Amino acid sequence: MTLATALCTLLLVTSCGDDSEPDDDAGPDRESSSTPTSEETVEETPEAPATDPETVIQDYFAAQRVGDAAAICAFEDDTFETFKYGEPGQPCLDDLANNQAQPVWADPVVVVSLEESEGTATAVLEPNAGSSAQATMTLTAVDGEWLVSAFS
């Protein structure tokens, strides 16, 4: 038996485990939870966009602060994702920035103004931690949920 074969066999045997241990290889299941170590800080991010624009704004930036790509992408409409990533869907999920914590965003983001009109909301924000620089975000109601459609 070669060393490589022995190592492969060892990996297969040790990865089997018994049924009393949780399966850590199940992948990123949004419904499962893990217990953070004392050195970790975990910020909860919601699974789906909310029904009011201000909550979506806060939840969208919360997802960015922790690098939760699935939540970030759930808050963006297809038009915005096409503008940012070339097409909606998987490119958003694969985007490196969406998969890394971004502590640059304020917690909470200051909403300076928010105007809603016929399925569109426009907000002036102070989104950066430690800065009063302003940005504008547009949200669009899609099937009863507010989604980010522009940010500049």
Protein backbone atom coordinates (compact mmCIF):
# COMPACT_ATOMS: atom_id res chain seq x y z
CA MET A 1 0.00 0.00 0.00
CA THR A 2 1.41 3.39 -0.96
CA LEU A 3 1.51 6.32 1.41
CA ALA A 4 -1.11 8.14 -0.70
CA THR A 5 -3.47 5.15 -0.55
CA ALA A 6 -2.98 4.87 3.21
CA LEU A 7 -3.75 8.56 3.71
CA CYS A 8 -6.87 8.37 1.54
CA THR A 9 -8.08 5.33 3.47
CA LEU A 10 -7.42 7.09 6.77
CA LEU A 11 -9.38 10.15 5.61
CA LEU A 12 -12.33 8.02 4.54
CA VAL A 13 -12.41 6.11 7.83
CA THR A 14 -12.09 9.18 10.06
CA SER A 15 -14.70 11.18 8.16
CA CYS A 16 -17.42 8.57 8.66
CA GLY A 17 -18.08 9.38 12.34
CA ASP A 18 -21.09 8.12 14.26
CA ASP A 19 -24.66 9.35 14.12
CA SER A 20 -24.36 11.26 17.40
CA GLU A 21 -22.12 13.92 15.88
CA PRO A 22 -23.54 16.78 13.76
CA ASP A 23 -22.67 16.80 10.08
CA ASP A 24 -20.45 19.87 9.65
CA ASP A 25 -20.06 19.17 5.92
CA ALA A 26 -23.73 19.83 5.19
CA GLY A 27 -22.83 23.16 3.57
CA PRO A 28 -24.07 26.67 4.31
CA ASP A 29 -27.62 25.96 5.42
CA ARG A 30 -29.23 29.28 6.36
CA GLU A 31 -31.59 27.56 8.79
CA SER A 32 -28.90 25.80 10.78
CA SER A 33 -27.02 27.64 13.44
CA SER A 34 -23.58 27.21 14.84
CA THR A 35 -22.36 28.26 18.23
CA PRO A 36 -19.73 30.97 17.93
CA THR A 37 -16.56 30.71 19.95
CA SER A 38 -15.82 33.36 22.54
CA GLU A 39 -13.52 35.05 20.02
CA GLU A 40 -16.19 35.34 17.30
CA THR A 41 -18.77 38.05 16.92
CA VAL A 42 -21.83 36.97 15.01
CA GLU A 43 -24.34 39.42 13.58
CA GLU A 44 -27.63 37.89 12.51
CA THR A 45 -28.77 38.68 8.99
CA PRO A 46 -32.32 38.09 7.85
CA GLU A 47 -33.15 35.53 5.19
CA ALA A 48 -35.52 37.58 3.03
CA PRO A 49 -36.20 41.23 2.30
CA ALA A 50 -38.61 43.02 4.62
CA THR A 51 -41.77 44.81 3.65
CA ASP A 52 -40.58 48.32 4.52
CA PRO A 53 -37.66 50.16 2.89
CA GLU A 54 -35.89 51.32 6.05
CA THR A 55 -35.69 47.78 7.42
CA VAL A 56 -34.33 46.56 4.08
CA ILE A 57 -31.67 49.28 4.16
CA GLN A 58 -30.50 48.25 7.64
CA ASP A 59 -30.67 44.53 6.84
CA TYR A 60 -28.80 44.97 3.55
CA PHE A 61 -25.88 46.70 5.25
CA ALA A 62 -25.96 44.21 8.15
CA ALA A 63 -25.50 41.43 5.58
CA GLN A 64 -22.57 43.32 4.04
CA ARG A 65 -20.94 43.88 7.44
CA VAL A 66 -20.74 40.11 7.96
CA GLY A 67 -20.15 39.03 4.34
CA ASP A 68 -23.40 37.08 3.94
CA ALA A 69 -23.52 36.85 0.14
CA ALA A 70 -26.82 34.97 0.06
CA ALA A 71 -28.55 37.68 2.10
CA ILE A 72 -26.89 40.51 0.14
CA CYS A 73 -28.06 39.02 -3.14
CA ALA A 74 -31.57 38.43 -1.77
CA PHE A 75 -31.83 42.19 -1.13
CA GLU A 76 -30.78 43.21 -4.68
CA ASP A 77 -33.12 43.27 -7.67
CA ASP A 78 -32.09 41.70 -10.98
CA THR A 79 -31.44 45.05 -12.65
CA PHE A 80 -29.01 46.12 -9.91
CA GLU A 81 -27.23 42.76 -10.00
CA THR A 82 -26.93 42.96 -13.80
CA PHE A 83 -25.39 46.43 -13.44
CA LYS A 84 -22.96 45.28 -10.71
CA TYR A 85 -22.02 41.77 -11.83
CA GLY A 86 -23.01 41.51 -15.52
CA GLU A 87 -26.00 39.27 -14.82
CA PRO A 88 -28.24 38.41 -11.87
CA GLY A 89 -27.86 35.36 -9.66
CA GLN A 90 -24.67 33.35 -9.28
CA PRO A 91 -22.19 36.19 -10.06
CA CYS A 92 -23.58 38.06 -7.05
CA LEU A 93 -23.14 35.01 -4.83
CA ASP A 94 -19.59 34.46 -6.12
CA ASP A 95 -18.49 38.10 -5.76
CA LEU A 96 -15.48 38.22 -3.43
CA ALA A 97 -16.60 41.38 -1.62
CA ASN A 98 -20.01 39.84 -0.87
CA ASN A 99 -18.29 36.90 0.82
CA GLN A 100 -16.08 38.96 3.13
CA ALA A 101 -17.02 40.99 6.18
CA GLN A 102 -17.12 44.71 5.35
CA PRO A 103 -16.91 46.62 8.65
CA VAL A 104 -16.73 49.90 6.71
CA TRP A 105 -20.56 50.12 6.84
CA ALA A 106 -22.07 51.94 9.82
CA ASP A 107 -24.16 50.09 12.39
CA PRO A 108 -26.79 51.35 12.08
CA VAL A 109 -26.71 53.21 8.79
CA VAL A 110 -28.06 56.74 9.25
CA VAL A 111 -31.14 57.33 7.10
CA VAL A 112 -31.15 61.09 6.50
CA SER A 113 -34.32 61.03 4.39
CA LEU A 114 -36.63 58.46 2.88
CA GLU A 115 -39.34 59.13 0.31
CA GLU A 116 -41.75 56.50 -1.01
CA SER A 117 -43.81 56.90 -4.16
CA GLU A 118 -45.67 54.28 -6.22
CA GLY A 119 -43.45 51.26 -5.64
CA THR A 120 -40.18 53.17 -5.42
CA ALA A 121 -38.32 54.48 -2.39
CA THR A 122 -35.35 56.83 -2.44
CA ALA A 123 -33.17 57.22 0.62
CA VAL A 124 -30.31 59.56 1.41
CA LEU A 125 -27.95 57.70 3.73
CA GLU A 126 -24.80 58.10 5.75
CA PRO A 127 -23.65 54.51 5.27
CA ASN A 128 -19.96 54.67 6.20
CA ALA A 129 -18.76 54.03 9.73
CA GLY A 130 -17.05 57.12 11.10
CA SER A 131 -18.09 59.39 8.24
CA SER A 132 -20.98 61.70 7.46
CA ALA A 133 -20.53 61.32 3.69
CA GLN A 134 -23.90 60.79 2.06
CA ALA A 135 -25.04 58.30 -0.58
CA THR A 136 -28.34 57.65 -2.30
CA MET A 137 -30.12 54.30 -2.43
CA THR A 138 -33.15 53.48 -4.53
CA LEU A 139 -35.40 50.56 -3.66
CA THR A 140 -38.16 49.05 -5.77
CA ALA A 141 -41.15 47.03 -4.56
CA VAL A 142 -41.10 43.60 -6.22
CA ASP A 143 -43.86 41.15 -5.33
CA GLY A 144 -44.53 42.97 -2.07
CA GLU A 145 -40.89 43.16 -0.96
CA TRP A 146 -38.49 46.08 -1.19
CA LEU A 147 -35.27 45.37 -3.09
CA VAL A 148 -32.21 47.54 -3.66
CA SER A 149 -32.20 48.74 -7.26
CA ALA A 150 -29.47 51.42 -7.13
CA PHE A 151 -26.80 52.67 -4.74
CA SER A 152 -24.43 55.56 -5.37
